[in-house]
Amino acid sequence: MHWLTLMGAIVLEVMGTTSMKLSHGFTRLWPSIGVVVFYGASLTLLTLALKKLDVSVAYAIWAGLGTALIAGIGVVYFGEALTWVRAISILLIVIGVVGLNLSGSPH
């Protein structure tokens, strides 16, 4: 269950970051409200996930997968450029997240 909670935190963080882009510097009401609501909910779920997960692994997964997903959203929905360097960098983030998951907990 704690992994599902972490995944929910990641999805909400991605929604918060996307709302941040759509808020145009907090000049649009609903996306601006979305930033606060989604980030608040994301941090709440992350905190709950930390009851059972190591903070080093959980935070790295939350930040890493969130970053990779936002990069994909930037390319697909906001027309941002995807260079080879960016693509390889995103791949390295995902590999790092997988490596953390495979490393297991020492205790």
PDB file of N, CA and C in Angstrom:
ATOM      1  N   MET A   1       0.811  -1.200   0.000  1.00  0.00           N
ATOM      2  CA  MET A   1       0.000   0.000   0.000  1.00  0.00           C
ATOM      3  C   MET A   1       0.858   1.270   0.000  1.00  0.00           C
ATOM      4  N   HIS A   2       1.995   1.233   0.673  1.00  0.00           N
ATOM      5  CA  HIS A   2       2.844   2.417   0.740  1.00  0.00           C
ATOM      6  C   HIS A   2       3.413   2.785  -0.634  1.00  0.00           C
ATOM      7  N   TRP A   3       3.630   1.789  -1.505  1.00  0.00           N
ATOM      8  CA  TRP A   3       4.101   2.086  -2.860  1.00  0.00           C
ATOM      9  C   TRP A   3       3.004   2.770  -3.672  1.00  0.00           C
ATOM     10  N   LEU A   4       1.761   2.366  -3.486  1.00  0.00           N
ATOM     11  CA  LEU A   4       0.650   3.035  -4.169  1.00  0.00           C
ATOM     12  C   LEU A   4       0.503   4.476  -3.674  1.00  0.00           C
ATOM     13  N   THR A   5       0.723   4.659  -2.380  1.00  0.00           N
ATOM     14  CA  THR A   5       0.673   6.007  -1.818  1.00  0.00           C
ATOM     15  C   THR A   5       1.758   6.870  -2.443  1.00  0.00           C
ATOM     16  N   LEU A   6       2.957   6.312  -2.596  1.00  0.00           N
ATOM     17  CA  LEU A   6       4.048   7.052  -3.229  1.00  0.00           C
ATOM     18  C   LEU A   6       3.723   7.367  -4.686  1.00  0.00           C
ATOM     19  N   MET A   7       3.142   6.420  -5.405  1.00  0.00           N
ATOM     20  CA  MET A   7       2.772   6.660  -6.804  1.00  0.00           C
ATOM     21  C   MET A   7       1.720   7.773  -6.898  1.00  0.00           C
ATOM     22  N   GLY A   8       0.770   7.763  -5.967  1.00  0.00           N
ATOM     23  CA  GLY A   8      -0.216   8.843  -5.921  1.00  0.00           C
ATOM     24  C   GLY A   8       0.441  10.183  -5.672  1.00  0.00           C
ATOM     25  N   ALA A   9       1.440  10.207  -4.800  1.00  0.00           N
ATOM     26  CA  ALA A   9       2.175  11.447  -4.521  1.00  0.00           C
ATOM     27  C   ALA A   9       2.889  11.944  -5.769  1.00  0.00           C
ATOM     28  N   ILE A  10       3.426  11.026  -6.549  1.00  0.00           N
ATOM     29  CA  ILE A  10       4.123  11.405  -7.787  1.00  0.00           C
ATOM     30  C   ILE A  10       3.137  11.983  -8.793  1.00  0.00           C
ATOM     31  N   VAL A  11       2.008  11.327  -8.967  1.00  0.00           N
ATOM     32  CA  VAL A  11       0.992  11.821  -9.914  1.00  0.00           C
ATOM     33  C   VAL A  11       0.519  13.223  -9.515  1.00  0.00           C
ATOM     34  N   LEU A  12       0.278  13.416  -8.229  1.00  0.00           N
ATOM     35  CA  LEU A  12      -0.185  14.730  -7.760  1.00  0.00           C
ATOM     36  C   LEU A  12       0.900  15.795  -7.912  1.00  0.00           C
ATOM     37  N   GLU A  13       2.158  15.418  -7.717  1.00  0.00           N
ATOM     38  CA  GLU A  13       3.257  16.369  -7.908  1.00  0.00           C
ATOM     39  C   GLU A  13       3.345  16.782  -9.370  1.00  0.00           C
ATOM     40  N   VAL A  14       3.170  15.835 -10.269  1.00  0.00           N
ATOM     41  CA  VAL A  14       3.189  16.135 -11.705  1.00  0.00           C
ATOM     42  C   VAL A  14       2.013  17.057 -12.061  1.00  0.00           C
ATOM     43  N   MET A  15       0.865  16.797 -11.472  1.00  0.00           N
ATOM     44  CA  MET A  15      -0.299  17.667 -11.714  1.00  0.00           C
ATOM     45  C   MET A  15      -0.035  19.076 -11.174  1.00  0.00           C
ATOM     46  N   GLY A  16       0.622  19.169 -10.028  1.00  0.00           N
ATOM     47  CA  GLY A  16       0.956  20.469  -9.457  1.00  0.00           C
ATOM     48  C   GLY A  16       1.929  21.246 -10.330  1.00  0.00           C
ATOM     49  N   THR A  17       2.932  20.557 -10.838  1.00  0.00           N
ATOM     50  CA  THR A  17       3.915  21.215 -11.693  1.00  0.00           C
ATOM     51  C   THR A  17       3.297  21.631 -13.025  1.00  0.00           C
ATOM     52  N   THR A  18       2.435  20.788 -13.575  1.00  0.00           N
ATOM     53  CA  THR A  18       1.730  21.145 -14.813  1.00  0.00           C
ATOM     54  C   THR A  18       0.823  22.347 -14.567  1.00  0.00           C
ATOM     55  N   SER A  19       0.153  22.381 -13.431  1.00  0.00           N
ATOM     56  CA  SER A  19      -0.681  23.539 -13.079  1.00  0.00           C
ATOM     57  C   SER A  19       0.162  24.799 -12.955  1.00  0.00           C
ATOM     58  N   MET A  20       1.390  24.642 -12.439  1.00  0.00           N
ATOM     59  CA  MET A  20       2.286  25.784 -12.317  1.00  0.00           C
ATOM     60  C   MET A  20       2.564  26.393 -13.691  1.00  0.00           C
ATOM     61  N   LYS A  21       2.826  25.539 -14.669  1.00  0.00           N
ATOM     62  CA  LYS A  21       3.061  26.019 -16.039  1.00  0.00           C
ATOM     63  C   LYS A  21       1.806  26.700 -16.584  1.00  0.00           C
ATOM     64  N   LEU A  22       0.649  26.081 -16.360  1.00  0.00           N
ATOM     65  CA  LEU A  22      -0.614  26.622 -16.876  1.00  0.00           C
ATOM     66  C   LEU A  22      -1.061  27.894 -16.160  1.00  0.00           C
ATOM     67  N   SER A  23      -0.515  28.152 -14.967  1.00  0.00           N
ATOM     68  CA  SER A  23      -0.920  29.337 -14.208  1.00  0.00           C
ATOM     69  C   SER A  23      -0.318  30.627 -14.765  1.00  0.00           C
ATOM     70  N   HIS A  24       0.671  30.495 -15.643  1.00  0.00           N
ATOM     71  CA  HIS A  24       1.336  31.667 -16.233  1.00  0.00           C
ATOM     72  C   HIS A  24       1.773  32.653 -15.154  1.00  0.00           C
ATOM     73  N   GLY A  25       2.595  32.147 -14.234  1.00  0.00           N
ATOM     74  CA  GLY A  25       3.113  33.014 -13.181  1.00  0.00           C
ATOM     75  C   GLY A  25       2.048  33.424 -12.180  1.00  0.00           C
ATOM     76  N   PHE A  26       1.143  32.547 -11.886  1.00  0.00           N
ATOM     77  CA  PHE A  26       0.033  32.776 -10.946  1.00  0.00           C
ATOM     78  C   PHE A  26      -0.898  33.905 -11.409  1.00  0.00           C
ATOM     79  N   THR A  27      -1.050  34.039 -12.714  1.00  0.00           N
ATOM     80  CA  THR A  27      -1.979  35.040 -13.239  1.00  0.00           C
ATOM     81  C   THR A  27      -3.320  34.431 -13.644  1.00  0.00           C
ATOM     82  N   ARG A  28      -3.422  33.113 -13.617  1.00  0.00           N
ATOM     83  CA  ARG A  28      -4.683  32.420 -13.909  1.00  0.00           C
ATOM     84  C   ARG A  28      -5.154  31.717 -12.643  1.00  0.00           C
ATOM     85  N   LEU A  29      -6.408  31.973 -12.264  1.00  0.00           N
ATOM     86  CA  LEU A  29      -6.919  31.548 -10.969  1.00  0.00           C
ATOM     87  C   LEU A  29      -6.904  30.032 -10.776  1.00  0.00           C
ATOM     88  N   TRP A  30      -7.596  29.275 -11.632  1.00  0.00           N
ATOM     89  CA  TRP A  30      -7.774  27.842 -11.382  1.00  0.00           C
ATOM     90  C   TRP A  30      -6.472  27.057 -11.411  1.00  0.00           C
ATOM     91  N   PRO A  31      -5.606  27.290 -12.389  1.00  0.00           N
ATOM     92  CA  PRO A  31      -4.322  26.580 -12.320  1.00  0.00           C
ATOM     93  C   PRO A  31      -3.506  26.985 -11.087  1.00  0.00           C
ATOM     94  N   SER A  32      -3.614  28.232 -10.663  1.00  0.00           N
ATOM     95  CA  SER A  32      -2.894  28.678  -9.461  1.00  0.00           C
ATOM     96  C   SER A  32      -3.403  27.953  -8.224  1.00  0.00           C
ATOM     97  N   ILE A  33      -4.713  27.784  -8.137  1.00  0.00           N
ATOM     98  CA  ILE A  33      -5.294  27.012  -7.029  1.00  0.00           C
ATOM     99  C   ILE A  33      -4.836  25.560  -7.123  1.00  0.00           C
ATOM    100  N   GLY A  34      -4.779  25.034  -8.353  1.00  0.00           N
ATOM    101  CA  GLY A  34      -4.319  23.660  -8.562  1.00  0.00           C
ATOM    102  C   GLY A  34      -2.908  23.438  -8.048  1.00  0.00           C
ATOM    103  N   VAL A  35      -2.023  24.421  -8.216  1.00  0.00           N
ATOM    104  CA  VAL A  35      -0.651  24.297  -7.714  1.00  0.00           C
ATOM    105  C   VAL A  35      -0.664  24.002  -6.219  1.00  0.00           C
ATOM    106  N   VAL A  36      -1.409  24.805  -5.470  1.00  0.00           N
ATOM    107  CA  VAL A  36      -1.448  24.670  -4.010  1.00  0.00           C
ATOM    108  C   VAL A  36      -2.114  23.349  -3.607  1.00  0.00           C
ATOM    109  N   VAL A  37      -3.234  23.044  -4.223  1.00  0.00           N
ATOM    110  CA  VAL A  37      -3.984  21.837  -3.857  1.00  0.00           C
ATOM    111  C   VAL A  37      -3.187  20.575  -4.208  1.00  0.00           C
ATOM    112  N   PHE A  38      -2.671  20.505  -5.427  1.00  0.00           N
ATOM    113  CA  PHE A  38      -1.965  19.298  -5.856  1.00  0.00           C
ATOM    114  C   PHE A  38      -0.660  19.095  -5.098  1.00  0.00           C
ATOM    115  N   TYR A  39       0.093  20.166  -4.891  1.00  0.00           N
ATOM    116  CA  TYR A  39       1.337  20.018  -4.131  1.00  0.00           C
ATOM    117  C   TYR A  39       1.048  19.666  -2.676  1.00  0.00           C
ATOM    118  N   GLY A  40       0.026  20.272  -2.098  1.00  0.00           N
ATOM    119  CA  GLY A  40      -0.341  19.933  -0.720  1.00  0.00           C
ATOM    120  C   GLY A  40      -0.723  18.470  -0.586  1.00  0.00           C
ATOM    121  N   ALA A  41      -1.531  17.991  -1.525  1.00  0.00           N
ATOM    122  CA  ALA A  41      -1.949  16.587  -1.501  1.00  0.00           C
ATOM    123  C   ALA A  41      -0.755  15.666  -1.763  1.00  0.00           C
ATOM    124  N   SER A  42       0.132  16.067  -2.677  1.00  0.00           N
ATOM    125  CA  SER A  42       1.306  15.266  -2.975  1.00  0.00           C
ATOM    126  C   SER A  42       2.204  15.117  -1.753  1.00  0.00           C
ATOM    127  N   LEU A  43       2.471  16.219  -1.079  1.00  0.00           N
ATOM    128  CA  LEU A  43       3.327  16.152   0.104  1.00  0.00           C
ATOM    129  C   LEU A  43       2.668  15.373   1.234  1.00  0.00           C
ATOM    130  N   THR A  44       1.355  15.440   1.313  1.00  0.00           N
ATOM    131  CA  THR A  44       0.641  14.650   2.317  1.00  0.00           C
ATOM    132  C   THR A  44       0.828  13.156   2.054  1.00  0.00           C
ATOM    133  N   LEU A  45       0.623  12.739   0.805  1.00  0.00           N
ATOM    134  CA  LEU A  45       0.806  11.321   0.469  1.00  0.00           C
ATOM    135  C   LEU A  45       2.259  10.885   0.616  1.00  0.00           C
ATOM    136  N   LEU A  46       3.192  11.763   0.239  1.00  0.00           N
ATOM    137  CA  LEU A  46       4.605  11.432   0.411  1.00  0.00           C
ATOM    138  C   LEU A  46       4.920  11.214   1.891  1.00  0.00           C
ATOM    139  N   THR A  47       4.391  12.061   2.738  1.00  0.00           N
ATOM    140  CA  THR A  47       4.595  11.919   4.180  1.00  0.00           C
ATOM    141  C   THR A  47       4.039  10.592   4.683  1.00  0.00           C
ATOM    142  N   LEU A  48       2.874  10.205   4.196  1.00  0.00           N
ATOM    143  CA  LEU A  48       2.289   8.921   4.596  1.00  0.00           C
ATOM    144  C   LEU A  48       3.127   7.749   4.094  1.00  0.00           C
ATOM    145  N   ALA A  49       3.647   7.870   2.885  1.00  0.00           N
ATOM    146  CA  ALA A  49       4.483   6.798   2.336  1.00  0.00           C
ATOM    147  C   ALA A  49       5.766   6.633   3.151  1.00  0.00           C
ATOM    148  N   LEU A  50       6.256   7.728   3.718  1.00  0.00           N
ATOM    149  CA  LEU A  50       7.501   7.679   4.488  1.00  0.00           C
ATOM    150  C   LEU A  50       7.356   6.929   5.805  1.00  0.00           C
ATOM    151  N   LYS A  51       6.116   6.607   6.193  1.00  0.00           N
ATOM    152  CA  LYS A  51       5.922   5.788   7.392  1.00  0.00           C
ATOM    153  C   LYS A  51       6.532   4.400   7.210  1.00  0.00           C
ATOM    154  N   LYS A  52       6.555   3.917   5.971  1.00  0.00           N
ATOM    155  CA  LYS A  52       7.036   2.557   5.695  1.00  0.00           C
ATOM    156  C   LYS A  52       8.270   2.504   4.791  1.00  0.00           C
ATOM    157  N   LEU A  53       8.542   3.575   4.056  1.00  0.00           N
ATOM    158  CA  LEU A  53       9.652   3.575   3.102  1.00  0.00           C
ATOM    159  C   LEU A  53      10.820   4.394   3.635  1.00  0.00           C
ATOM    160  N   ASP A  54      12.039   4.020   3.239  1.00  0.00           N
ATOM    161  CA  ASP A  54      13.213   4.818   3.572  1.00  0.00           C
ATOM    162  C   ASP A  54      13.114   6.166   2.873  1.00  0.00           C
ATOM    163  N   VAL A  55      13.438   7.223   3.583  1.00  0.00           N
ATOM    164  CA  VAL A  55      13.326   8.566   3.013  1.00  0.00           C
ATOM    165  C   VAL A  55      14.257   8.731   1.807  1.00  0.00           C
ATOM    166  N   SER A  56      15.441   8.134   1.861  1.00  0.00           N
ATOM    167  CA  SER A  56      16.387   8.282   0.750  1.00  0.00           C
ATOM    168  C   SER A  56      15.829   7.684  -0.539  1.00  0.00           C
ATOM    169  N   VAL A  57      15.166   6.561  -0.438  1.00  0.00           N
ATOM    170  CA  VAL A  57      14.600   5.907  -1.616  1.00  0.00           C
ATOM    171  C   VAL A  57      13.309   6.595  -2.045  1.00  0.00           C
ATOM    172  N   ALA A  58      12.412   6.834  -1.103  1.00  0.00           N
ATOM    173  CA  ALA A  58      11.105   7.415  -1.439  1.00  0.00           C
ATOM    174  C   ALA A  58      11.243   8.794  -2.068  1.00  0.00           C
ATOM    175  N   TYR A  59      12.073   9.643  -1.487  1.00  0.00           N
ATOM    176  CA  TYR A  59      12.206  10.997  -2.021  1.00  0.00           C
ATOM    177  C   TYR A  59      12.867  10.978  -3.394  1.00  0.00           C
ATOM    178  N   ALA A  60      13.876  10.128  -3.550  1.00  0.00           N
ATOM    179  CA  ALA A  60      14.545  10.041  -4.851  1.00  0.00           C
ATOM    180  C   ALA A  60      13.591   9.552  -5.926  1.00  0.00           C
ATOM    181  N   ILE A  61      12.750   8.587  -5.598  1.00  0.00           N
ATOM    182  CA  ILE A  61      11.771   8.092  -6.563  1.00  0.00           C
ATOM    183  C   ILE A  61      10.741   9.172  -6.865  1.00  0.00           C
ATOM    184  N   TRP A  62      10.242   9.841  -5.824  1.00  0.00           N
ATOM    185  CA  TRP A  62       9.254  10.915  -5.989  1.00  0.00           C
ATOM    186  C   TRP A  62       9.807  12.019  -6.899  1.00  0.00           C
ATOM    187  N   ALA A  63      11.011  12.459  -6.597  1.00  0.00           N
ATOM    188  CA  ALA A  63      11.610  13.540  -7.381  1.00  0.00           C
ATOM    189  C   ALA A  63      12.017  13.069  -8.773  1.00  0.00           C
ATOM    190  N   GLY A  64      12.620  11.891  -8.859  1.00  0.00           N
ATOM    191  CA  GLY A  64      13.121  11.398 -10.140  1.00  0.00           C
ATOM    192  C   GLY A  64      12.027  11.071 -11.135  1.00  0.00           C
ATOM    193  N   LEU A  65      11.041  10.299 -10.707  1.00  0.00           N
ATOM    194  CA  LEU A  65       9.946   9.972 -11.628  1.00  0.00           C
ATOM    195  C   LEU A  65       9.115  11.201 -11.960  1.00  0.00           C
ATOM    196  N   GLY A  66       8.924  12.069 -10.979  1.00  0.00           N
ATOM    197  CA  GLY A  66       8.207  13.322 -11.246  1.00  0.00           C
ATOM    198  C   GLY A  66       8.923  14.140 -12.302  1.00  0.00           C
ATOM    199  N   THR A  67      10.243  14.225 -12.193  1.00  0.00           N
ATOM    200  CA  THR A  67      11.043  14.975 -13.169  1.00  0.00           C
ATOM    201  C   THR A  67      10.937  14.357 -14.557  1.00  0.00           C
ATOM    202  N   ALA A  68      11.053  13.045 -14.629  1.00  0.00           N
ATOM    203  CA  ALA A  68      10.972  12.361 -15.924  1.00  0.00           C
ATOM    204  C   ALA A  68       9.590  12.551 -16.554  1.00  0.00           C
ATOM    205  N   LEU A  69       8.535  12.420 -15.759  1.00  0.00           N
ATOM    206  CA  LEU A  69       7.176  12.593 -16.289  1.00  0.00           C
ATOM    207  C   LEU A  69       6.937  14.027 -16.750  1.00  0.00           C
ATOM    208  N   ILE A  70       7.409  14.989 -15.981  1.00  0.00           N
ATOM    209  CA  ILE A  70       7.235  16.386 -16.367  1.00  0.00           C
ATOM    210  C   ILE A  70       8.006  16.694 -17.644  1.00  0.00           C
ATOM    211  N   ALA A  71       9.184  16.110 -17.792  1.00  0.00           N
ATOM    212  CA  ALA A  71       9.944  16.308 -19.030  1.00  0.00           C
ATOM    213  C   ALA A  71       9.147  15.781 -20.223  1.00  0.00           C
ATOM    214  N   GLY A  72       8.531  14.615 -20.053  1.00  0.00           N
ATOM    215  CA  GLY A  72       7.695  14.062 -21.127  1.00  0.00           C
ATOM    216  C   GLY A  72       6.489  14.934 -21.429  1.00  0.00           C
ATOM    217  N   ILE A  73       5.846  15.435 -20.400  1.00  0.00           N
ATOM    218  CA  ILE A  73       4.693  16.325 -20.588  1.00  0.00           C
ATOM    219  C   ILE A  73       5.130  17.610 -21.286  1.00  0.00           C
ATOM    220  N   GLY A  74       6.289  18.114 -20.911  1.00  0.00           N
ATOM    221  CA  GLY A  74       6.801  19.323 -21.560  1.00  0.00           C
ATOM    222  C   GLY A  74       6.985  19.137 -23.052  1.00  0.00           C
ATOM    223  N   VAL A  75       7.496  17.981 -23.441  1.00  0.00           N
ATOM    224  CA  VAL A  75       7.710  17.690 -24.859  1.00  0.00           C
ATOM    225  C   VAL A  75       6.383  17.476 -25.576  1.00  0.00           C
ATOM    226  N   VAL A  76       5.516  16.644 -25.008  1.00  0.00           N
ATOM    227  CA  VAL A  76       4.278  16.249 -25.688  1.00  0.00           C
ATOM    228  C   VAL A  76       3.239  17.374 -25.709  1.00  0.00           C
ATOM    229  N   TYR A  77       3.019  18.022 -24.566  1.00  0.00           N
ATOM    230  CA  TYR A  77       1.920  18.975 -24.466  1.00  0.00           C
ATOM    231  C   TYR A  77       2.329  20.442 -24.598  1.00  0.00           C
ATOM    232  N   PHE A  78       3.586  20.754 -24.279  1.00  0.00           N
ATOM    233  CA  PHE A  78       4.004  22.156 -24.330  1.00  0.00           C
ATOM    234  C   PHE A  78       5.005  22.428 -25.441  1.00  0.00           C
ATOM    235  N   GLY A  79       5.274  21.425 -26.270  1.00  0.00           N
ATOM    236  CA  GLY A  79       6.122  21.612 -27.446  1.00  0.00           C
ATOM    237  C   GLY A  79       7.581  21.894 -27.139  1.00  0.00           C
ATOM    238  N   GLU A  80       8.064  21.442 -25.990  1.00  0.00           N
ATOM    239  CA  GLU A  80       9.466  21.657 -25.652  1.00  0.00           C
ATOM    240  C   GLU A  80      10.344  20.710 -26.464  1.00  0.00           C
ATOM    241  N   ALA A  81      11.557  21.153 -26.748  1.00  0.00           N
ATOM    242  CA  ALA A  81      12.471  20.355 -27.568  1.00  0.00           C
ATOM    243  C   ALA A  81      12.978  19.146 -26.795  1.00  0.00           C
ATOM    244  N   LEU A  82      13.094  18.030 -27.493  1.00  0.00           N
ATOM    245  CA  LEU A  82      13.692  16.830 -26.915  1.00  0.00           C
ATOM    246  C   LEU A  82      14.982  16.548 -27.672  1.00  0.00           C
ATOM    247  N   THR A  83      16.089  16.947 -27.083  1.00  0.00           N
ATOM    248  CA  THR A  83      17.398  16.695 -27.687  1.00  0.00           C
ATOM    249  C   THR A  83      17.912  15.345 -27.212  1.00  0.00           C
ATOM    250  N   TRP A  84      18.968  14.874 -27.840  1.00  0.00           N
ATOM    251  CA  TRP A  84      19.569  13.611 -27.420  1.00  0.00           C
ATOM    252  C   TRP A  84      20.071  13.697 -25.984  1.00  0.00           C
ATOM    253  N   VAL A  85      20.643  14.838 -25.634  1.00  0.00           N
ATOM    254  CA  VAL A  85      21.161  15.003 -24.273  1.00  0.00           C
ATOM    255  C   VAL A  85      20.019  14.925 -23.263  1.00  0.00           C
ATOM    256  N   ARG A  86      18.910  15.581 -23.544  1.00  0.00           N
ATOM    257  CA  ARG A  86      17.753  15.514 -22.644  1.00  0.00           C
ATOM    258  C   ARG A  86      17.198  14.094 -22.550  1.00  0.00           C
ATOM    259  N   ALA A  87      17.071  13.438 -23.682  1.00  0.00           N
ATOM    260  CA  ALA A  87      16.523  12.075 -23.689  1.00  0.00           C
ATOM    261  C   ALA A  87      17.409  11.124 -22.888  1.00  0.00           C
ATOM    262  N   ILE A  88      18.717  11.209 -23.078  1.00  0.00           N
ATOM    263  CA  ILE A  88      19.636  10.348 -22.334  1.00  0.00           C
ATOM    264  C   ILE A  88      19.598  10.694 -20.846  1.00  0.00           C
ATOM    265  N   SER A  89      19.501  11.967 -20.528  1.00  0.00           N
ATOM    266  CA  SER A  89      19.440  12.389 -19.125  1.00  0.00           C
ATOM    267  C   SER A  89      18.189  11.849 -18.439  1.00  0.00           C
ATOM    268  N   ILE A  90      17.064  11.900 -19.126  1.00  0.00           N
ATOM    269  CA  ILE A  90      15.818  11.342 -18.579  1.00  0.00           C
ATOM    270  C   ILE A  90      15.955   9.840 -18.385  1.00  0.00           C
ATOM    271  N   LEU A  91      16.550   9.176 -19.349  1.00  0.00           N
ATOM    272  CA  LEU A  91      16.780   7.736 -19.235  1.00  0.00           C
ATOM    273  C   LEU A  91      17.657   7.416 -18.027  1.00  0.00           C
ATOM    274  N   LEU A  92      18.666   8.223 -17.786  1.00  0.00           N
ATOM    275  CA  LEU A  92      19.536   8.012 -16.631  1.00  0.00           C
ATOM    276  C   LEU A  92      18.779   8.200 -15.317  1.00  0.00           C
ATOM    277  N   ILE A  93      17.850   9.148 -15.292  1.00  0.00           N
ATOM    278  CA  ILE A  93      17.022   9.336 -14.096  1.00  0.00           C
ATOM    279  C   ILE A  93      16.207   8.069 -13.829  1.00  0.00           C
ATOM    280  N   VAL A  94      15.580   7.548 -14.877  1.00  0.00           N
ATOM    281  CA  VAL A  94      14.761   6.339 -14.726  1.00  0.00           C
ATOM    282  C   VAL A  94      15.625   5.161 -14.293  1.00  0.00           C
ATOM    283  N   ILE A  95      16.806   5.025 -14.872  1.00  0.00           N
ATOM    284  CA  ILE A  95      17.718   3.947 -14.476  1.00  0.00           C
ATOM    285  C   ILE A  95      18.102   4.096 -13.003  1.00  0.00           C
ATOM    286  N   GLY A  96      18.331   5.312 -12.559  1.00  0.00           N
ATOM    287  CA  GLY A  96      18.650   5.557 -11.159  1.00  0.00           C
ATOM    288  C   GLY A  96      17.521   5.161 -10.235  1.00  0.00           C
ATOM    289  N   VAL A  97      16.285   5.474 -10.621  1.00  0.00           N
ATOM    290  CA  VAL A  97      15.124   5.100  -9.813  1.00  0.00           C
ATOM    291  C   VAL A  97      14.996   3.583  -9.731  1.00  0.00           C
ATOM    292  N   VAL A  98      15.172   2.911 -10.854  1.00  0.00           N
ATOM    293  CA  VAL A  98      15.112   1.449 -10.862  1.00  0.00           C
ATOM    294  C   VAL A  98      16.228   0.886  -9.977  1.00  0.00           C
ATOM    295  N   GLY A  99      17.420   1.440 -10.085  1.00  0.00           N
ATOM    296  CA  GLY A  99      18.531   0.986  -9.258  1.00  0.00           C
ATOM    297  C   GLY A  99      18.246   1.140  -7.772  1.00  0.00           C
ATOM    298  N   LEU A 100      17.648   2.248  -7.392  1.00  0.00           N
ATOM    299  CA  LEU A 100      17.278   2.440  -5.981  1.00  0.00           C
ATOM    300  C   LEU A 100      16.283   1.388  -5.519  1.00  0.00           C
ATOM    301  N   ASN A 101      15.317   1.090  -6.366  1.00  0.00           N
ATOM    302  CA  ASN A 101      14.330   0.073  -6.011  1.00  0.00           C
ATOM    303  C   ASN A 101      14.954  -1.304  -5.875  1.00  0.00           C
ATOM    304  N   LEU A 102      15.903  -1.600  -6.720  1.00  0.00           N
ATOM    305  CA  LEU A 102      16.544  -2.918  -6.698  1.00  0.00           C
ATOM    306  C   LEU A 102      17.548  -3.045  -5.552  1.00  0.00           C
ATOM    307  N   SER A 103      18.022  -1.919  -5.039  1.00  0.00           N
ATOM    308  CA  SER A 103      19.056  -1.953  -4.004  1.00  0.00           C
ATOM    309  C   SER A 103      18.527  -2.495  -2.680  1.00  0.00           C
ATOM    310  N   GLY A 104      17.231  -2.371  -2.452  1.00  0.00           N
ATOM    311  CA  GLY A 104      16.649  -2.877  -1.218  1.00  0.00           C
ATOM    312  C   GLY A 104      17.029  -2.040  -0.009  1.00  0.00           C
ATOM    313  N   SER A 105      16.437  -2.354   1.085  1.00  0.00           N
ATOM    314  CA  SER A 105      16.695  -1.649   2.341  1.00  0.00           C
ATOM    315  C   SER A 105      17.719  -2.421   3.163  1.00  0.00           C
ATOM    316  N   PRO A 106      18.736  -1.748   3.722  1.00  0.00           N
ATOM    317  CA  PRO A 106      19.765  -2.458   4.469  1.00  0.00           C
ATOM    318  C   PRO A 106      19.290  -2.944   5.847  1.00  0.00           C
ATOM    319  N   HIS A 107      18.106  -2.523   6.292  1.00  0.00           N
ATOM    320  CA  HIS A 107      17.659  -2.966   7.623  1.00  0.00           C
ATOM    321  C   HIS A 107      16.383  -3.733   7.575  1.00  0.00           C
TER     322      HIS A 107
END
